[in-house]
Amino acid sequence: MLATLPGELHGLGMQMTALGAAAHGLGIRILGVDTPVASIVRAASEVQPDLVAISVSSNSGGAETHRALTELRQQLPASMRLVAGGGGMQSARRSPKGVEVPKDLAAWDKIIAALAAGRMNP
């Protein structure tokens, strides 16, 4: 499941991530840009995705993003992976506890490939 946080209006990174995941045969749910944390939590509760991915553009990030990701992590089940990536996360000094931050596209591709392999090997 993919989304951007409140105030984030750039969706290209989210769309690119969705295409990469779809190329690996994964089912995708795109919630869209500027998605309230409560809406992400509600959708995750209904869909029960293997992973919630948040795209953070270089135009955002910072303290507000850190707060929103912390809130999201607290409200999602501990067993649900939360990954946040994009230019806005690369400049962060540290990520919120329990939020995975791939360093680059190769690291993100490894996450996607591992998810796809898990789906193919029950």
PDB file of N, CA and C in Angstrom:
ATOM      1  N   MET A   1       0.845  -1.160   0.000  1.00  0.00           N
ATOM      2  CA  MET A   1       0.000   0.000   0.000  1.00  0.00           C
ATOM      3  C   MET A   1       0.897   1.230   0.000  1.00  0.00           C
ATOM      4  N   LEU A   2       0.567   2.219  -0.835  1.00  0.00           N
ATOM      5  CA  LEU A   2       1.400   3.400  -1.017  1.00  0.00           C
ATOM      6  C   LEU A   2       0.602   4.678  -0.782  1.00  0.00           C
ATOM      7  N   ALA A   3       1.283   5.660  -0.203  1.00  0.00           N
ATOM      8  CA  ALA A   3       0.641   6.955   0.030  1.00  0.00           C
ATOM      9  C   ALA A   3       1.718   8.005   0.254  1.00  0.00           C
ATOM     10  N   THR A   4       1.278   9.261   0.310  1.00  0.00           N
ATOM     11  CA  THR A   4       2.120  10.332   0.823  1.00  0.00           C
ATOM     12  C   THR A   4       1.399  10.906   2.030  1.00  0.00           C
ATOM     13  N   LEU A   5       2.145  11.553   2.888  1.00  0.00           N
ATOM     14  CA  LEU A   5       1.611  12.103   4.129  1.00  0.00           C
ATOM     15  C   LEU A   5       0.871  13.415   3.888  1.00  0.00           C
ATOM     16  N   PRO A   6       0.131  13.882   4.883  1.00  0.00           N
ATOM     17  CA  PRO A   6      -0.562  15.165   4.741  1.00  0.00           C
ATOM     18  C   PRO A   6       0.398  16.283   4.343  1.00  0.00           C
ATOM     19  N   GLY A   7      -0.029  17.073   3.384  1.00  0.00           N
ATOM     20  CA  GLY A   7       0.769  18.192   2.900  1.00  0.00           C
ATOM     21  C   GLY A   7       1.711  17.837   1.767  1.00  0.00           C
ATOM     22  N   GLU A   8       1.926  16.556   1.530  1.00  0.00           N
ATOM     23  CA  GLU A   8       2.821  16.104   0.440  1.00  0.00           C
ATOM     24  C   GLU A   8       2.004  15.945  -0.830  1.00  0.00           C
ATOM     25  N   LEU A   9       2.261  16.791  -1.795  1.00  0.00           N
ATOM     26  CA  LEU A   9       1.484  16.780  -3.033  1.00  0.00           C
ATOM     27  C   LEU A   9       2.241  16.176  -4.208  1.00  0.00           C
ATOM     28  N   HIS A  10       3.469  15.729  -3.988  1.00  0.00           N
ATOM     29  CA  HIS A  10       4.270  15.145  -5.062  1.00  0.00           C
ATOM     30  C   HIS A  10       4.089  13.632  -5.060  1.00  0.00           C
ATOM     31  N   GLY A  11       3.535  13.100  -6.135  1.00  0.00           N
ATOM     32  CA  GLY A  11       3.229  11.681  -6.197  1.00  0.00           C
ATOM     33  C   GLY A  11       4.083  10.863  -7.145  1.00  0.00           C
ATOM     34  N   LEU A  12       5.044  11.490  -7.824  1.00  0.00           N
ATOM     35  CA  LEU A  12       5.832  10.755  -8.815  1.00  0.00           C
ATOM     36  C   LEU A  12       6.611   9.601  -8.177  1.00  0.00           C
ATOM     37  N   GLY A  13       7.248   9.839  -7.040  1.00  0.00           N
ATOM     38  CA  GLY A  13       7.993   8.776  -6.367  1.00  0.00           C
ATOM     39  C   GLY A  13       7.094   7.614  -5.989  1.00  0.00           C
ATOM     40  N   MET A  14       5.898   7.917  -5.524  1.00  0.00           N
ATOM     41  CA  MET A  14       4.925   6.891  -5.167  1.00  0.00           C
ATOM     42  C   MET A  14       4.530   6.083  -6.403  1.00  0.00           C
ATOM     43  N   GLN A  15       4.303   6.754  -7.517  1.00  0.00           N
ATOM     44  CA  GLN A  15       3.931   6.069  -8.750  1.00  0.00           C
ATOM     45  C   GLN A  15       5.068   5.201  -9.280  1.00  0.00           C
ATOM     46  N   MET A  16       6.300   5.696  -9.183  1.00  0.00           N
ATOM     47  CA  MET A  16       7.456   4.907  -9.624  1.00  0.00           C
ATOM     48  C   MET A  16       7.613   3.658  -8.754  1.00  0.00           C
ATOM     49  N   THR A  17       7.398   3.817  -7.462  1.00  0.00           N
ATOM     50  CA  THR A  17       7.472   2.691  -6.541  1.00  0.00           C
ATOM     51  C   THR A  17       6.400   1.665  -6.876  1.00  0.00           C
ATOM     52  N   ALA A  18       5.216   2.126  -7.163  1.00  0.00           N
ATOM     53  CA  ALA A  18       4.124   1.224  -7.527  1.00  0.00           C
ATOM     54  C   ALA A  18       4.446   0.449  -8.796  1.00  0.00           C
ATOM     55  N   LEU A  19       5.027   1.123  -9.777  1.00  0.00           N
ATOM     56  CA  LEU A  19       5.399   0.431 -11.019  1.00  0.00           C
ATOM     57  C   LEU A  19       6.455  -0.642 -10.763  1.00  0.00           C
ATOM     58  N   GLY A  20       7.440  -0.326  -9.938  1.00  0.00           N
ATOM     59  CA  GLY A  20       8.469  -1.310  -9.609  1.00  0.00           C
ATOM     60  C   GLY A  20       7.887  -2.514  -8.901  1.00  0.00           C
ATOM     61  N   ALA A  21       6.981  -2.275  -7.971  1.00  0.00           N
ATOM     62  CA  ALA A  21       6.351  -3.387  -7.244  1.00  0.00           C
ATOM     63  C   ALA A  21       5.469  -4.214  -8.181  1.00  0.00           C
ATOM     64  N   ALA A  22       4.731  -3.553  -9.049  1.00  0.00           N
ATOM     65  CA  ALA A  22       3.881  -4.271  -9.999  1.00  0.00           C
ATOM     66  C   ALA A  22       4.721  -5.109 -10.962  1.00  0.00           C
ATOM     67  N   ALA A  23       5.900  -4.597 -11.345  1.00  0.00           N
ATOM     68  CA  ALA A  23       6.787  -5.359 -12.241  1.00  0.00           C
ATOM     69  C   ALA A  23       7.264  -6.651 -11.587  1.00  0.00           C
ATOM     70  N   HIS A  24       7.269  -6.679 -10.249  1.00  0.00           N
ATOM     71  CA  HIS A  24       7.636  -7.893  -9.520  1.00  0.00           C
ATOM     72  C   HIS A  24       6.415  -8.768  -9.237  1.00  0.00           C
ATOM     73  N   GLY A  25       5.254  -8.367  -9.740  1.00  0.00           N
ATOM     74  CA  GLY A  25       4.049  -9.163  -9.576  1.00  0.00           C
ATOM     75  C   GLY A  25       3.289  -8.921  -8.283  1.00  0.00           C
ATOM     76  N   LEU A  26       3.612  -7.864  -7.588  1.00  0.00           N
ATOM     77  CA  LEU A  26       2.915  -7.568  -6.340  1.00  0.00           C
ATOM     78  C   LEU A  26       1.644  -6.770  -6.593  1.00  0.00           C
ATOM     79  N   GLY A  27       0.626  -7.032  -5.814  1.00  0.00           N
ATOM     80  CA  GLY A  27      -0.599  -6.244  -5.867  1.00  0.00           C
ATOM     81  C   GLY A  27      -0.355  -4.897  -5.209  1.00  0.00           C
ATOM     82  N   ILE A  28      -0.905  -3.862  -5.769  1.00  0.00           N
ATOM     83  CA  ILE A  28      -0.644  -2.508  -5.299  1.00  0.00           C
ATOM     84  C   ILE A  28      -1.954  -1.823  -4.933  1.00  0.00           C
ATOM     85  N   ARG A  29      -1.923  -1.095  -3.841  1.00  0.00           N
ATOM     86  CA  ARG A  29      -3.021  -0.203  -3.475  1.00  0.00           C
ATOM     87  C   ARG A  29      -2.413   1.181  -3.315  1.00  0.00           C
ATOM     88  N   ILE A  30      -2.838   2.118  -4.134  1.00  0.00           N
ATOM     89  CA  ILE A  30      -2.349   3.494  -4.037  1.00  0.00           C
ATOM     90  C   ILE A  30      -3.434   4.337  -3.384  1.00  0.00           C
ATOM     91  N   LEU A  31      -3.096   4.906  -2.235  1.00  0.00           N
ATOM     92  CA  LEU A  31      -4.052   5.773  -1.544  1.00  0.00           C
ATOM     93  C   LEU A  31      -3.999   7.189  -2.087  1.00  0.00           C
ATOM     94  N   GLY A  32      -2.837   7.587  -2.599  1.00  0.00           N
ATOM     95  CA  GLY A  32      -2.717   8.898  -3.211  1.00  0.00           C
ATOM     96  C   GLY A  32      -1.876   9.857  -2.407  1.00  0.00           C
ATOM     97  N   VAL A  33      -1.893  11.109  -2.849  1.00  0.00           N
ATOM     98  CA  VAL A  33      -1.104  12.157  -2.206  1.00  0.00           C
ATOM     99  C   VAL A  33      -1.929  12.829  -1.113  1.00  0.00           C
ATOM    100  N   ASP A  34      -1.214  13.511  -0.196  1.00  0.00           N
ATOM    101  CA  ASP A  34      -1.859  14.311   0.845  1.00  0.00           C
ATOM    102  C   ASP A  34      -2.874  13.486   1.641  1.00  0.00           C
ATOM    103  N   THR A  35      -2.444  12.285   2.060  1.00  0.00           N
ATOM    104  CA  THR A  35      -3.347  11.349   2.733  1.00  0.00           C
ATOM    105  C   THR A  35      -3.235  11.496   4.250  1.00  0.00           C
ATOM    106  N   PRO A  36      -4.325  11.767   4.927  1.00  0.00           N
ATOM    107  CA  PRO A  36      -4.283  11.867   6.389  1.00  0.00           C
ATOM    108  C   PRO A  36      -3.819  10.557   7.030  1.00  0.00           C
ATOM    109  N   VAL A  37      -3.099  10.681   8.121  1.00  0.00           N
ATOM    110  CA  VAL A  37      -2.598   9.487   8.822  1.00  0.00           C
ATOM    111  C   VAL A  37      -3.757   8.560   9.176  1.00  0.00           C
ATOM    112  N   ALA A  38      -4.863   9.104   9.655  1.00  0.00           N
ATOM    113  CA  ALA A  38      -6.018   8.272  10.032  1.00  0.00           C
ATOM    114  C   ALA A  38      -6.538   7.473   8.836  1.00  0.00           C
ATOM    115  N   SER A  39      -6.495   8.050   7.651  1.00  0.00           N
ATOM    116  CA  SER A  39      -6.953   7.342   6.447  1.00  0.00           C
ATOM    117  C   SER A  39      -5.997   6.212   6.083  1.00  0.00           C
ATOM    118  N   ILE A  40      -4.707   6.435   6.255  1.00  0.00           N
ATOM    119  CA  ILE A  40      -3.724   5.379   5.980  1.00  0.00           C
ATOM    120  C   ILE A  40      -3.933   4.226   6.958  1.00  0.00           C
ATOM    121  N   VAL A  41      -4.124   4.553   8.229  1.00  0.00           N
ATOM    122  CA  VAL A  41      -4.338   3.526   9.257  1.00  0.00           C
ATOM    123  C   VAL A  41      -5.614   2.743   8.964  1.00  0.00           C
ATOM    124  N   ARG A  42      -6.691   3.432   8.643  1.00  0.00           N
ATOM    125  CA  ARG A  42      -7.968   2.778   8.344  1.00  0.00           C
ATOM    126  C   ARG A  42      -7.836   1.848   7.137  1.00  0.00           C
ATOM    127  N   ALA A  43      -7.186   2.329   6.076  1.00  0.00           N
ATOM    128  CA  ALA A  43      -7.009   1.501   4.881  1.00  0.00           C
ATOM    129  C   ALA A  43      -6.132   0.287   5.182  1.00  0.00           C
ATOM    130  N   ALA A  44      -5.080   0.481   5.961  1.00  0.00           N
ATOM    131  CA  ALA A  44      -4.202  -0.637   6.316  1.00  0.00           C
ATOM    132  C   ALA A  44      -4.951  -1.674   7.137  1.00  0.00           C
ATOM    133  N   SER A  45      -5.834  -1.218   7.987  1.00  0.00           N
ATOM    134  CA  SER A  45      -6.638  -2.131   8.800  1.00  0.00           C
ATOM    135  C   SER A  45      -7.559  -2.965   7.915  1.00  0.00           C
ATOM    136  N   GLU A  46      -8.120  -2.339   6.903  1.00  0.00           N
ATOM    137  CA  GLU A  46      -9.043  -3.030   5.998  1.00  0.00           C
ATOM    138  C   GLU A  46      -8.309  -3.955   5.022  1.00  0.00           C
ATOM    139  N   VAL A  47      -7.227  -3.480   4.453  1.00  0.00           N
ATOM    140  CA  VAL A  47      -6.519  -4.208   3.394  1.00  0.00           C
ATOM    141  C   VAL A  47      -5.524  -5.229   3.952  1.00  0.00           C
ATOM    142  N   GLN A  48      -4.926  -4.929   5.114  1.00  0.00           N
ATOM    143  CA  GLN A  48      -3.896  -5.775   5.718  1.00  0.00           C
ATOM    144  C   GLN A  48      -2.728  -6.019   4.745  1.00  0.00           C
ATOM    145  N   PRO A  49      -2.098  -4.945   4.271  1.00  0.00           N
ATOM    146  CA  PRO A  49      -0.990  -5.115   3.319  1.00  0.00           C
ATOM    147  C   PRO A  49       0.251  -5.671   4.021  1.00  0.00           C
ATOM    148  N   ASP A  50       1.135  -6.257   3.231  1.00  0.00           N
ATOM    149  CA  ASP A  50       2.407  -6.728   3.767  1.00  0.00           C
ATOM    150  C   ASP A  50       3.293  -5.555   4.168  1.00  0.00           C
ATOM    151  N   LEU A  51       3.066  -4.423   3.513  1.00  0.00           N
ATOM    152  CA  LEU A  51       3.940  -3.275   3.723  1.00  0.00           C
ATOM    153  C   LEU A  51       3.175  -1.999   3.404  1.00  0.00           C
ATOM    154  N   VAL A  52       3.417  -0.968   4.203  1.00  0.00           N
ATOM    155  CA  VAL A  52       2.907   0.369   3.927  1.00  0.00           C
ATOM    156  C   VAL A  52       4.122   1.209   3.536  1.00  0.00           C
ATOM    157  N   ALA A  53       4.072   1.783   2.348  1.00  0.00           N
ATOM    158  CA  ALA A  53       5.187   2.601   1.861  1.00  0.00           C
ATOM    159  C   ALA A  53       4.735   4.051   1.755  1.00  0.00           C
ATOM    160  N   ILE A  54       5.559   4.936   2.304  1.00  0.00           N
ATOM    161  CA  ILE A  54       5.280   6.368   2.280  1.00  0.00           C
ATOM    162  C   ILE A  54       6.354   7.050   1.452  1.00  0.00           C
ATOM    163  N   SER A  55       5.926   7.805   0.455  1.00  0.00           N
ATOM    164  CA  SER A  55       6.844   8.550  -0.386  1.00  0.00           C
ATOM    165  C   SER A  55       6.989   9.966   0.166  1.00  0.00           C
ATOM    166  N   VAL A  56       8.246  10.388   0.336  1.00  0.00           N
ATOM    167  CA  VAL A  56       8.534  11.716   0.886  1.00  0.00           C
ATOM    168  C   VAL A  56       9.455  12.437  -0.102  1.00  0.00           C
ATOM    169  N   SER A  57       8.931  13.440  -0.769  1.00  0.00           N
ATOM    170  CA  SER A  57       9.731  14.149  -1.769  1.00  0.00           C
ATOM    171  C   SER A  57      10.748  15.062  -1.098  1.00  0.00           C
ATOM    172  N   SER A  58      11.692  15.510  -1.894  1.00  0.00           N
ATOM    173  CA  SER A  58      12.711  16.425  -1.374  1.00  0.00           C
ATOM    174  C   SER A  58      12.112  17.784  -1.002  1.00  0.00           C
ATOM    175  N   ASN A  59      10.883  18.042  -1.424  1.00  0.00           N
ATOM    176  CA  ASN A  59      10.203  19.289  -1.060  1.00  0.00           C
ATOM    177  C   ASN A  59       9.575  19.216   0.328  1.00  0.00           C
ATOM    178  N   SER A  60       9.589  18.033   0.916  1.00  0.00           N
ATOM    179  CA  SER A  60       9.022  17.885   2.260  1.00  0.00           C
ATOM    180  C   SER A  60      10.069  17.230   3.150  1.00  0.00           C
ATOM    181  N   GLY A  61       9.631  16.503   4.130  1.00  0.00           N
ATOM    182  CA  GLY A  61      10.567  15.948   5.101  1.00  0.00           C
ATOM    183  C   GLY A  61      10.594  16.854   6.313  1.00  0.00           C
ATOM    184  N   GLY A  62      11.563  16.692   7.167  1.00  0.00           N
ATOM    185  CA  GLY A  62      11.690  17.539   8.344  1.00  0.00           C
ATOM    186  C   GLY A  62      10.850  17.073   9.514  1.00  0.00           C
ATOM    187  N   ALA A  63      10.668  17.974  10.457  1.00  0.00           N
ATOM    188  CA  ALA A  63      10.025  17.651  11.732  1.00  0.00           C
ATOM    189  C   ALA A  63       8.580  17.186  11.560  1.00  0.00           C
ATOM    190  N   GLU A  64       7.827  17.826  10.688  1.00  0.00           N
ATOM    191  CA  GLU A  64       6.424  17.440  10.501  1.00  0.00           C
ATOM    192  C   GLU A  64       6.313  16.032   9.930  1.00  0.00           C
ATOM    193  N   THR A  65       7.170  15.704   8.987  1.00  0.00           N
ATOM    194  CA  THR A  65       7.179  14.346   8.430  1.00  0.00           C
ATOM    195  C   THR A  65       7.564  13.339   9.504  1.00  0.00           C
ATOM    196  N   HIS A  66       8.550  13.675  10.313  1.00  0.00           N
ATOM    197  CA  HIS A  66       8.981  12.794  11.399  1.00  0.00           C
ATOM    198  C   HIS A  66       7.822  12.541  12.360  1.00  0.00           C
ATOM    199  N   ARG A  67       7.094  13.593  12.714  1.00  0.00           N
ATOM    200  CA  ARG A  67       5.938  13.446  13.619  1.00  0.00           C
ATOM    201  C   ARG A  67       4.859  12.565  12.998  1.00  0.00           C
ATOM    202  N   ALA A  68       4.550  12.799  11.726  1.00  0.00           N
ATOM    203  CA  ALA A  68       3.498  12.023  11.063  1.00  0.00           C
ATOM    204  C   ALA A  68       3.898  10.548  10.945  1.00  0.00           C
ATOM    205  N   LEU A  69       5.156  10.288  10.626  1.00  0.00           N
ATOM    206  CA  LEU A  69       5.614   8.898  10.539  1.00  0.00           C
ATOM    207  C   LEU A  69       5.602   8.219  11.905  1.00  0.00           C
ATOM    208  N   THR A  70       5.972   8.955  12.938  1.00  0.00           N
ATOM    209  CA  THR A  70       5.928   8.409  14.296  1.00  0.00           C
ATOM    210  C   THR A  70       4.492   8.063  14.674  1.00  0.00           C
ATOM    211  N   GLU A  71       3.573   8.968  14.377  1.00  0.00           N
ATOM    212  CA  GLU A  71       2.155   8.723  14.656  1.00  0.00           C
ATOM    213  C   GLU A  71       1.654   7.513  13.872  1.00  0.00           C
ATOM    214  N   LEU A  72       2.016   7.436  12.609  1.00  0.00           N
ATOM    215  CA  LEU A  72       1.600   6.315  11.778  1.00  0.00           C
ATOM    216  C   LEU A  72       2.148   5.002  12.333  1.00  0.00           C
ATOM    217  N   ARG A  73       3.422   4.976  12.686  1.00  0.00           N
ATOM    218  CA  ARG A  73       4.041   3.765  13.235  1.00  0.00           C
ATOM    219  C   ARG A  73       3.328   3.317  14.508  1.00  0.00           C
ATOM    220  N   GLN A  74       2.951   4.271  15.352  1.00  0.00           N
ATOM    221  CA  GLN A  74       2.273   3.950  16.604  1.00  0.00           C
ATOM    222  C   GLN A  74       0.884   3.375  16.376  1.00  0.00           C
ATOM    223  N   GLN A  75       0.243   3.769  15.284  1.00  0.00           N
ATOM    224  CA  GLN A  75      -1.133   3.347  15.044  1.00  0.00           C
ATOM    225  C   GLN A  75      -1.252   2.092  14.187  1.00  0.00           C
ATOM    226  N   LEU A  76      -0.205   1.754  13.459  1.00  0.00           N
ATOM    227  CA  LEU A  76      -0.225   0.512  12.677  1.00  0.00           C
ATOM    228  C   LEU A  76       0.155  -0.656  13.570  1.00  0.00           C
ATOM    229  N   PRO A  77      -0.301  -1.863  13.234  1.00  0.00           N
ATOM    230  CA  PRO A  77       0.145  -3.023  13.998  1.00  0.00           C
ATOM    231  C   PRO A  77       1.670  -3.146  13.938  1.00  0.00           C
ATOM    232  N   ALA A  78       2.280  -3.567  15.026  1.00  0.00           N
ATOM    233  CA  ALA A  78       3.740  -3.694  15.086  1.00  0.00           C
ATOM    234  C   ALA A  78       4.267  -4.646  14.021  1.00  0.00           C
ATOM    235  N   SER A  79       3.451  -5.616  13.627  1.00  0.00           N
ATOM    236  CA  SER A  79       3.889  -6.600  12.635  1.00  0.00           C
ATOM    237  C   SER A  79       3.852  -6.073  11.202  1.00  0.00           C
ATOM    238  N   MET A  80       3.220  -4.931  10.982  1.00  0.00           N
ATOM    239  CA  MET A  80       3.107  -4.367   9.628  1.00  0.00           C
ATOM    240  C   MET A  80       4.323  -3.493   9.339  1.00  0.00           C
ATOM    241  N   ARG A  81       5.030  -3.818   8.254  1.00  0.00           N
ATOM    242  CA  ARG A  81       6.214  -3.040   7.882  1.00  0.00           C
ATOM    243  C   ARG A  81       5.810  -1.663   7.397  1.00  0.00           C
ATOM    244  N   LEU A  82       6.577  -0.683   7.834  1.00  0.00           N
ATOM    245  CA  LEU A  82       6.392   0.696   7.396  1.00  0.00           C
ATOM    246  C   LEU A  82       7.714   1.168   6.816  1.00  0.00           C
ATOM    247  N   VAL A  83       7.671   1.544   5.541  1.00  0.00           N
ATOM    248  CA  VAL A  83       8.864   1.987   4.834  1.00  0.00           C
ATOM    249  C   VAL A  83       8.603   3.399   4.319  1.00  0.00           C
ATOM    250  N   ALA A  84       9.570   4.283   4.500  1.00  0.00           N
ATOM    251  CA  ALA A  84       9.462   5.651   3.998  1.00  0.00           C
ATOM    252  C   ALA A  84      10.703   5.956   3.181  1.00  0.00           C
ATOM    253  N   GLY A  85      10.500   6.427   1.969  1.00  0.00           N
ATOM    254  CA  GLY A  85      11.637   6.711   1.114  1.00  0.00           C
ATOM    255  C   GLY A  85      11.411   7.937   0.261  1.00  0.00           C
ATOM    256  N   GLY A  86      12.476   8.355  -0.371  1.00  0.00           N
ATOM    257  CA  GLY A  86      12.435   9.521  -1.231  1.00  0.00           C
ATOM    258  C   GLY A  86      13.425  10.562  -0.758  1.00  0.00           C
ATOM    259  N   GLY A  87      13.546  11.592  -1.538  1.00  0.00           N
ATOM    260  CA  GLY A  87      14.518  12.640  -1.262  1.00  0.00           C
ATOM    261  C   GLY A  87      14.356  13.296   0.095  1.00  0.00           C
ATOM    262  N   GLY A  88      13.132  13.431   0.573  1.00  0.00           N
ATOM    263  CA  GLY A  88      12.892  14.044   1.862  1.00  0.00           C
ATOM    264  C   GLY A  88      13.357  13.205   3.034  1.00  0.00           C
ATOM    265  N   MET A  89      13.503  11.901   2.819  1.00  0.00           N
ATOM    266  CA  MET A  89      13.985  11.020   3.885  1.00  0.00           C
ATOM    267  C   MET A  89      15.506  10.925   3.876  1.00  0.00           C
ATOM    268  N   GLN A  90      16.112  11.180   2.743  1.00  0.00           N
ATOM    269  CA  GLN A  90      17.562  11.045   2.644  1.00  0.00           C
ATOM    270  C   GLN A  90      18.287  12.117   3.446  1.00  0.00           C
ATOM    271  N   SER A  91      17.639  13.240   3.648  1.00  0.00           N
ATOM    272  CA  SER A  91      18.285  14.317   4.389  1.00  0.00           C
ATOM    273  C   SER A  91      17.992  14.254   5.886  1.00  0.00           C
ATOM    274  N   ALA A  92      17.114  13.332   6.285  1.00  0.00           N
ATOM    275  CA  ALA A  92      16.769  13.213   7.711  1.00  0.00           C
ATOM    276  C   ALA A  92      17.959  12.687   8.506  1.00  0.00           C
ATOM    277  N   ARG A  93      18.155  13.256   9.675  1.00  0.00           N
ATOM    278  CA  ARG A  93      19.257  12.803  10.531  1.00  0.00           C
ATOM    279  C   ARG A  93      19.018  11.392  11.021  1.00  0.00           C
ATOM    280  N   ARG A  94      17.764  11.115  11.382  1.00  0.00           N
ATOM    281  CA  ARG A  94      17.413   9.767  11.786  1.00  0.00           C
ATOM    282  C   ARG A  94      15.947   9.544  11.459  1.00  0.00           C
ATOM    283  N   SER A  95      15.604   8.298  11.250  1.00  0.00           N
ATOM    284  CA  SER A  95      14.215   7.978  10.956  1.00  0.00           C
ATOM    285  C   SER A  95      13.508   7.622  12.261  1.00  0.00           C
ATOM    286  N   PRO A  96      12.188   7.759  12.271  1.00  0.00           N
ATOM    287  CA  PRO A  96      11.450   7.362  13.465  1.00  0.00           C
ATOM    288  C   PRO A  96      11.645   5.867  13.749  1.00  0.00           C
ATOM    289  N   LYS A  97      11.613   5.510  15.008  1.00  0.00           N
ATOM    290  CA  LYS A  97      11.772   4.115  15.409  1.00  0.00           C
ATOM    291  C   LYS A  97      10.703   3.258  14.734  1.00  0.00           C
ATOM    292  N   GLY A  98      11.151   2.149  14.146  1.00  0.00           N
ATOM    293  CA  GLY A  98      10.227   1.229  13.498  1.00  0.00           C
ATOM    294  C   GLY A  98       9.887   1.562  12.067  1.00  0.00           C
ATOM    295  N   VAL A  99      10.536   2.584  11.512  1.00  0.00           N
ATOM    296  CA  VAL A  99      10.300   2.975  10.116  1.00  0.00           C
ATOM    297  C   VAL A  99      11.564   2.666   9.330  1.00  0.00           C
ATOM    298  N   GLU A 100      11.428   1.812   8.330  1.00  0.00           N
ATOM    299  CA  GLU A 100      12.565   1.480   7.476  1.00  0.00           C
ATOM    300  C   GLU A 100      12.757   2.582   6.446  1.00  0.00           C
ATOM    301  N   VAL A 101      14.015   2.946   6.196  1.00  0.00           N
ATOM    302  CA  VAL A 101      14.321   3.971   5.198  1.00  0.00           C
ATOM    303  C   VAL A 101      15.385   3.415   4.257  1.00  0.00           C
ATOM    304  N   PRO A 102      14.977   2.953   3.067  1.00  0.00           N
ATOM    305  CA  PRO A 102      15.969   2.480   2.095  1.00  0.00           C
ATOM    306  C   PRO A 102      16.908   3.616   1.705  1.00  0.00           C
ATOM    307  N   LYS A 103      18.190   3.302   1.598  1.00  0.00           N
ATOM    308  CA  LYS A 103      19.184   4.330   1.269  1.00  0.00           C
ATOM    309  C   LYS A 103      19.084   4.815  -0.166  1.00  0.00           C
ATOM    310  N   ASP A 104      18.647   3.921  -1.060  1.00  0.00           N
ATOM    311  CA  ASP A 104      18.605   4.262  -2.481  1.00  0.00           C
ATOM    312  C   ASP A 104      17.641   3.327  -3.194  1.00  0.00           C
ATOM    313  N   LEU A 105      17.536   3.470  -4.519  1.00  0.00           N
ATOM    314  CA  LEU A 105      16.612   2.636  -5.290  1.00  0.00           C
ATOM    315  C   LEU A 105      16.991   1.156  -5.246  1.00  0.00           C
ATOM    316  N   ALA A 106      18.272   0.868  -5.188  1.00  0.00           N
ATOM    317  CA  ALA A 106      18.709  -0.537  -5.110  1.00  0.00           C
ATOM    318  C   ALA A 106      18.221  -1.176  -3.810  1.00  0.00           C
ATOM    319  N   ALA A 107      18.280  -0.445  -2.719  1.00  0.00           N
ATOM    320  CA  ALA A 107      17.802  -0.965  -1.431  1.00  0.00           C
ATOM    321  C   ALA A 107      16.287  -1.171  -1.478  1.00  0.00           C
ATOM    322  N   TRP A 108      15.572  -0.243  -2.096  1.00  0.00           N
ATOM    323  CA  TRP A 108      14.122  -0.383  -2.231  1.00  0.00           C
ATOM    324  C   TRP A 108      13.798  -1.599  -3.103  1.00  0.00           C
ATOM    325  N   ASP A 109      14.553  -1.793  -4.167  1.00  0.00           N
ATOM    326  CA  ASP A 109      14.316  -2.941  -5.040  1.00  0.00           C
ATOM    327  C   ASP A 109      14.520  -4.257  -4.281  1.00  0.00           C
ATOM    328  N   LYS A 110      15.462  -4.298  -3.362  1.00  0.00           N
ATOM    329  CA  LYS A 110      15.668  -5.502  -2.546  1.00  0.00           C
ATOM    330  C   LYS A 110      14.447  -5.780  -1.672  1.00  0.00           C
ATOM    331  N   ILE A 111      13.866  -4.743  -1.124  1.00  0.00           N
ATOM    332  CA  ILE A 111      12.653  -4.906  -0.318  1.00  0.00           C
ATOM    333  C   ILE A 111      11.528  -5.482  -1.170  1.00  0.00           C
ATOM    334  N   ILE A 112      11.343  -4.908  -2.348  1.00  0.00           N
ATOM    335  CA  ILE A 112      10.289  -5.378  -3.255  1.00  0.00           C
ATOM    336  C   ILE A 112      10.550  -6.826  -3.671  1.00  0.00           C
ATOM    337  N   ALA A 113      11.778  -7.133  -4.036  1.00  0.00           N
ATOM    338  CA  ALA A 113      12.117  -8.498  -4.465  1.00  0.00           C
ATOM    339  C   ALA A 113      11.886  -9.502  -3.337  1.00  0.00           C
ATOM    340  N   ALA A 114      12.225  -9.127  -2.118  1.00  0.00           N
ATOM    341  CA  ALA A 114      12.002 -10.032  -0.977  1.00  0.00           C
ATOM    342  C   ALA A 114      10.498 -10.252  -0.752  1.00  0.00           C
ATOM    343  N   LEU A 115       9.693  -9.208  -0.880  1.00  0.00           N
ATOM    344  CA  LEU A 115       8.251  -9.364  -0.756  1.00  0.00           C
ATOM    345  C   LEU A 115       7.719 -10.298  -1.841  1.00  0.00           C
ATOM    346  N   ALA A 116       8.174 -10.078  -3.068  1.00  0.00           N
ATOM    347  CA  ALA A 116       7.726 -10.924  -4.179  1.00  0.00           C
ATOM    348  C   ALA A 116       8.159 -12.370  -3.973  1.00  0.00           C
ATOM    349  N   ALA A 117       9.375 -12.603  -3.514  1.00  0.00           N
ATOM    350  CA  ALA A 117       9.852 -13.961  -3.275  1.00  0.00           C
ATOM    351  C   ALA A 117       9.023 -14.644  -2.195  1.00  0.00           C
ATOM    352  N   GLY A 118       8.650 -13.891  -1.165  1.00  0.00           N
ATOM    353  CA  GLY A 118       7.817 -14.445  -0.102  1.00  0.00           C
ATOM    354  C   GLY A 118       6.444 -14.827  -0.593  1.00  0.00           C
ATOM    355  N   ARG A 119       5.938 -14.082  -1.514  1.00  0.00           N
ATOM    356  CA  ARG A 119       4.605 -14.390  -2.093  1.00  0.00           C
ATOM    357  C   ARG A 119       4.677 -15.624  -2.983  1.00  0.00           C
ATOM    358  N   MET A 120       5.827 -15.828  -3.640  1.00  0.00           N
ATOM    359  CA  MET A 120       5.958 -16.962  -4.550  1.00  0.00           C
ATOM    360  C   MET A 120       6.327 -18.246  -3.811  1.00  0.00           C
ATOM    361  N   ASN A 121       6.874 -18.110  -2.600  1.00  0.00           N
ATOM    362  CA  ASN A 121       7.300 -19.271  -1.824  1.00  0.00           C
ATOM    363  C   ASN A 121       6.559 -19.308  -0.498  1.00  0.00           C
ATOM    364  N   PRO A 122       5.307 -19.776  -0.506  1.00  0.00           N
ATOM    365  CA  PRO A 122       4.520 -19.765   0.741  1.00  0.00           C
ATOM    366  C   PRO A 122       5.114 -20.678   1.802  1.00  0.00           C
TER     367      PRO A 122
END
